[in-house]
Amino acid sequence: MKKLIHVSCTSAYKYPERPQYLLVRGKKYTVISVLAAAKIQTAKPPFNLIHSYRVELKNGRIAEIQYEEQKGEWYLLNAEDFDEE
């Protein structure tokens, strides 16, 4: 299940470069490590560049997040893992 969220990240060269924290349902989760990062270009119009991250949070959870450049929006892909809080 994909959920729209807010992400704060650093950007030395081009946004987004390194996620710092996520806001999910009003709760802040600090990112301590980026485990994987990838850029995905969609093949069909409207073409969109998607930045995909797998991050470790301070509480030990793993979050899978994506930034869709065309929309300027962040999504939490494994939102069901955050439902019980």
Protein backbone atom coordinates (compact mmCIF):
# COMPACT_ATOMS: atom_id res chain seq x y z
CA MET A 1 0.00 0.00 0.00
CA LYS A 2 1.42 3.37 -1.06
CA LYS A 3 0.83 6.43 1.18
CA LEU A 4 1.61 10.10 0.53
CA ILE A 5 4.05 11.41 3.19
CA HIS A 6 6.43 14.31 3.88
CA VAL A 7 10.20 13.75 3.72
CA SER A 8 12.98 16.16 4.61
CA CYS A 9 16.25 15.56 2.78
CA THR A 10 19.57 17.17 2.01
CA SER A 11 20.39 18.42 -1.46
CA ALA A 12 23.97 19.38 -2.22
CA TYR A 13 23.63 19.08 -6.00
CA LYS A 14 20.06 18.17 -6.94
CA TYR A 15 16.94 17.40 -4.91
CA PRO A 16 16.53 14.75 -3.44
CA GLU A 17 19.89 13.35 -2.36
CA ARG A 18 19.67 11.96 1.17
CA PRO A 19 16.48 11.55 3.23
CA GLN A 20 16.87 12.82 6.82
CA TYR A 21 13.45 12.12 8.32
CA LEU A 22 9.91 11.07 7.40
CA LEU A 23 6.59 12.35 8.71
CA VAL A 24 4.00 9.57 8.70
CA ARG A 25 0.56 10.24 10.21
CA GLY A 26 2.02 13.16 12.18
CA LYS A 27 4.88 11.13 13.66
CA LYS A 28 8.52 11.93 12.89
CA TYR A 29 10.93 9.09 12.04
CA THR A 30 14.66 9.87 11.82
CA VAL A 31 16.65 8.18 9.04
CA ILE A 32 19.95 6.78 10.29
CA SER A 33 21.08 4.98 7.14
CA VAL A 34 20.30 4.76 3.43
CA LEU A 35 20.46 1.04 2.63
CA ALA A 36 19.73 1.35 -1.11
CA ALA A 37 19.00 4.09 -3.62
CA ALA A 38 17.93 3.95 -7.26
CA LYS A 39 16.58 6.19 -10.00
CA ILE A 40 13.86 4.78 -12.24
CA GLN A 41 12.75 6.41 -15.50
CA THR A 42 9.24 5.42 -16.53
CA ALA A 43 9.00 4.01 -20.05
CA LYS A 44 5.62 5.42 -21.07
CA PRO A 45 4.37 9.00 -21.26
CA PRO A 46 4.05 10.99 -19.17
CA PHE A 47 7.72 10.26 -18.52
CA ASN A 48 8.64 10.53 -14.86
CA LEU A 49 11.85 10.10 -12.89
CA ILE A 50 11.31 8.23 -9.62
CA HIS A 51 13.90 8.25 -6.83
CA SER A 52 13.57 5.10 -4.76
CA TYR A 53 15.13 4.62 -1.30
CA ARG A 54 15.27 1.87 1.28
CA VAL A 55 16.17 3.48 4.60
CA GLU A 56 16.76 2.35 8.17
CA LEU A 57 15.00 4.43 10.80
CA LYS A 58 16.22 5.24 14.30
CA ASN A 59 13.60 2.89 15.79
CA GLY A 60 15.04 -0.03 13.78
CA ARG A 61 12.30 -0.14 11.13
CA ILE A 62 12.98 -0.25 7.42
CA ALA A 63 11.05 2.18 5.20
CA GLU A 64 10.72 2.01 1.44
CA ILE A 65 10.12 5.50 0.06
CA GLN A 66 9.88 7.05 -3.39
CA TYR A 67 9.99 10.59 -4.71
CA GLU A 68 8.12 11.21 -7.97
CA GLU A 69 9.75 14.21 -9.67
CA GLN A 70 6.82 15.03 -11.96
CA LYS A 71 4.37 15.29 -9.05
CA GLY A 72 6.90 16.57 -6.49
CA GLU A 73 5.52 14.03 -4.00
CA TRP A 74 6.96 11.45 -1.60
CA TYR A 75 5.36 8.07 -0.97
CA LEU A 76 5.84 5.42 1.69
CA LEU A 77 5.54 2.09 -0.14
CA ASN A 78 5.32 -0.18 2.92
CA ALA A 79 2.74 1.94 4.78
CA GLU A 80 1.05 -1.17 6.22
CA ASP A 81 4.19 -1.68 8.37
CA PHE A 82 3.38 1.63 10.10
CA ASP A 83 -0.35 0.92 10.71
CA GLU A 84 0.02 -0.56 14.18
CA GLU A 85 1.47 2.62 15.71
